[in-house]
C-alpha atoms as a PDB file:
ATOM      1  CA  UNK A   1      39.013 139.466 186.951  1.00  0.00           C
ATOM      2  CA  UNK A   2      42.404 138.573 185.524  1.00  0.00           C
ATOM      3  CA  UNK A   3      43.339 135.895 183.003  1.00  0.00           C
ATOM      4  CA  UNK A   4      44.450 133.302 185.565  1.00  0.00           C
ATOM      5  CA  UNK A   5      41.292 133.799 187.641  1.00  0.00           C
ATOM      6  CA  UNK A   6      39.105 133.316 184.561  1.00  0.00           C
ATOM      7  CA  UNK A   7      41.065 130.216 183.551  1.00  0.00           C
ATOM      8  CA  UNK A   8      40.731 128.665 187.013  1.00  0.00           C
ATOM      9  CA  UNK A   9      37.010 129.493 187.164  1.00  0.00           C
ATOM     10  CA  UNK A  10      36.523 127.727 183.826  1.00  0.00           C
ATOM     11  CA  UNK A  11      38.625 124.727 184.862  1.00  0.00           C
ATOM     12  CA  UNK A  12      36.705 124.420 188.137  1.00  0.00           C
ATOM     13  CA  UNK A  13      33.360 124.579 186.323  1.00  0.00           C
ATOM     14  CA  UNK A  14      34.379 121.903 183.831  1.00  0.00           C
ATOM     15  CA  UNK A  15      35.889 119.660 186.461  1.00  0.00           C
ATOM     16  CA  UNK A  16      32.792 119.870 188.645  1.00  0.00           C
ATOM     17  CA  UNK A  17      30.113 119.757 185.954  1.00  0.00           C
ATOM     18  CA  UNK A  18      31.529 117.609 183.172  1.00  0.00           C
ATOM     19  CA  UNK A  19      34.165 115.440 184.816  1.00  0.00           C
ATOM     20  CA  UNK A  20      32.460 114.992 188.202  1.00  0.00           C
ATOM     21  CA  UNK A  21      35.495 116.225 190.090  1.00  0.00           C
ATOM     22  CA  UNK A  22      38.041 114.137 188.150  1.00  0.00           C
ATOM     23  CA  UNK A  23      40.224 117.128 187.299  1.00  0.00           C
ATOM     24  CA  UNK A  24      43.054 114.820 186.184  1.00  0.00           C
ATOM     25  CA  UNK A  25      41.039 114.380 182.976  1.00  0.00           C
ATOM     26  CA  UNK A  26      41.013 118.113 182.184  1.00  0.00           C
ATOM     27  CA  UNK A  27      42.872 118.701 178.918  1.00  0.00           C
ATOM     28  CA  UNK A  28      45.722 121.161 178.489  1.00  0.00           C
ATOM     29  CA  UNK A  29      44.611 124.716 177.776  1.00  0.00           C
ATOM     30  CA  UNK A  30      44.835 124.454 173.981  1.00  0.00           C
ATOM     31  CA  UNK A  31      43.501 120.902 173.604  1.00  0.00           C
ATOM     32  CA  UNK A  32      40.012 120.394 172.201  1.00  0.00           C
ATOM     33  CA  UNK A  33      37.331 119.965 174.844  1.00  0.00           C
ATOM     34  CA  UNK A  34      35.213 118.075 172.321  1.00  0.00           C
ATOM     35  CA  UNK A  35      37.954 115.723 171.106  1.00  0.00           C
ATOM     36  CA  UNK A  36      39.011 114.963 174.682  1.00  0.00           C
ATOM     37  CA  UNK A  37      35.420 114.065 175.563  1.00  0.00           C
ATOM     38  CA  UNK A  38      34.932 116.825 178.119  1.00  0.00           C
ATOM     39  CA  UNK A  39      31.905 118.422 176.445  1.00  0.00           C
ATOM     40  CA  UNK A  40      29.386 117.490 173.777  1.00  0.00           C
ATOM     41  CA  UNK A  41      26.793 119.623 171.970  1.00  0.00           C
ATOM     42  CA  UNK A  42      24.555 119.758 175.049  1.00  0.00           C
ATOM     43  CA  UNK A  43      27.552 120.602 177.200  1.00  0.00           C
ATOM     44  CA  UNK A  44      28.369 123.562 174.960  1.00  0.00           C
ATOM     45  CA  UNK A  45      24.896 124.975 175.598  1.00  0.00           C
ATOM     46  CA  UNK A  46      25.409 124.585 179.352  1.00  0.00           C
ATOM     47  CA  UNK A  47      28.834 126.192 179.027  1.00  0.00           C
ATOM     48  CA  UNK A  48      27.385 129.195 177.194  1.00  0.00           C
ATOM     49  CA  UNK A  49      24.772 129.620 179.930  1.00  0.00           C
ATOM     50  CA  UNK A  50      27.534 129.470 182.552  1.00  0.00           C
ATOM     51  CA  UNK A  51      29.630 132.080 180.705  1.00  0.00           C
ATOM     52  CA  UNK A  52      26.684 134.438 180.444  1.00  0.00           C
ATOM     53  CA  UNK A  53      25.663 134.022 184.089  1.00  0.00           C
ATOM     54  CA  UNK A  54      29.101 133.954 185.706  1.00  0.00           C
ATOM     55  CA  UNK A  55      30.857 136.614 183.653  1.00  0.00           C
ATOM     56  CA  UNK A  56      27.864 138.788 182.723  1.00  0.00           C
ATOM     57  CA  UNK A  57      28.480 138.508 178.999  1.00  0.00           C
ATOM     58  CA  UNK A  58      26.254 137.720 176.049  1.00  0.00           C
ATOM     59  CA  UNK A  59      27.425 135.033 173.646  1.00  0.00           C
ATOM     60  CA  UNK A  60      26.073 135.731 170.159  1.00  0.00           C
ATOM     61  CA  UNK A  61      25.331 132.834 167.837  1.00  0.00           C
ATOM     62  CA  UNK A  62      28.100 134.052 165.520  1.00  0.00           C
ATOM     63  CA  UNK A  63      30.573 133.701 168.416  1.00  0.00           C
ATOM     64  CA  UNK A  64      29.847 130.012 169.022  1.00  0.00           C
ATOM     65  CA  UNK A  65      32.896 128.837 167.092  1.00  0.00           C
ATOM     66  CA  UNK A  66      35.754 126.519 168.050  1.00  0.00           C
ATOM     67  CA  UNK A  67      38.197 129.419 168.351  1.00  0.00           C
ATOM     68  CA  UNK A  68      36.101 130.871 171.199  1.00  0.00           C
ATOM     69  CA  UNK A  69      34.576 127.827 172.877  1.00  0.00           C
ATOM     70  CA  UNK A  70      36.673 124.826 171.863  1.00  0.00           C
ATOM     71  CA  UNK A  71      39.405 124.883 174.491  1.00  0.00           C
ATOM     72  CA  UNK A  72      40.087 126.303 177.923  1.00  0.00           C
ATOM     73  CA  UNK A  73      42.602 128.712 176.389  1.00  0.00           C
ATOM     74  CA  UNK A  74      40.099 129.846 173.761  1.00  0.00           C
ATOM     75  CA  UNK A  75      37.399 130.306 176.381  1.00  0.00           C
ATOM     76  CA  UNK A  76      39.749 132.319 178.573  1.00  0.00           C
ATOM     77  CA  UNK A  77      40.702 134.646 175.698  1.00  0.00           C
ATOM     78  CA  UNK A  78      37.043 134.978 174.699  1.00  0.00           C
ATOM     79  CA  UNK A  79      35.944 135.961 178.216  1.00  0.00           C
ATOM     80  CA  UNK A  80      38.854 138.412 178.493  1.00  0.00           C
ATOM     81  CA  UNK A  81      37.845 140.054 175.224  1.00  0.00           C
ATOM     82  CA  UNK A  82      34.153 140.198 176.125  1.00  0.00           C
ATOM     83  CA  UNK A  83      34.672 141.588 179.624  1.00  0.00           C
ATOM     84  CA  UNK A  84      37.630 143.840 178.937  1.00  0.00           C
ATOM     85  CA  UNK A  85      39.343 142.131 181.881  1.00  0.00           C
ATOM     86  CA  UNK A  86      42.965 142.806 182.648  1.00  0.00           C
ATOM     87  CA  UNK A  87      45.750 140.563 181.494  1.00  0.00           C
ATOM     88  CA  UNK A  88      48.984 140.684 183.463  1.00  0.00           C
ATOM     89  CA  UNK A  89      52.079 141.355 181.386  1.00  0.00           C
ATOM     90  CA  UNK A  90      54.794 138.734 181.351  1.00  0.00           C
END
């Protein structure tokens, strides 16, 4: 799965599960999901479960930091790193 596919999968999940389909409220890729009110502490746990199930990765406790889970961009980079997925050049 490539970067854009991962990003869209994450955006779809958040729009459906946290914003009840109101995708206009999705923040820009580098904006904080917490500060924008998209997820809370319970939502982060659900998000981790989704990442593990959907992408077949394991999220260690030490990896549950803002850099990895705090924004759509951070999540995308984290999944790319964990899966070794391809990133198109350009």
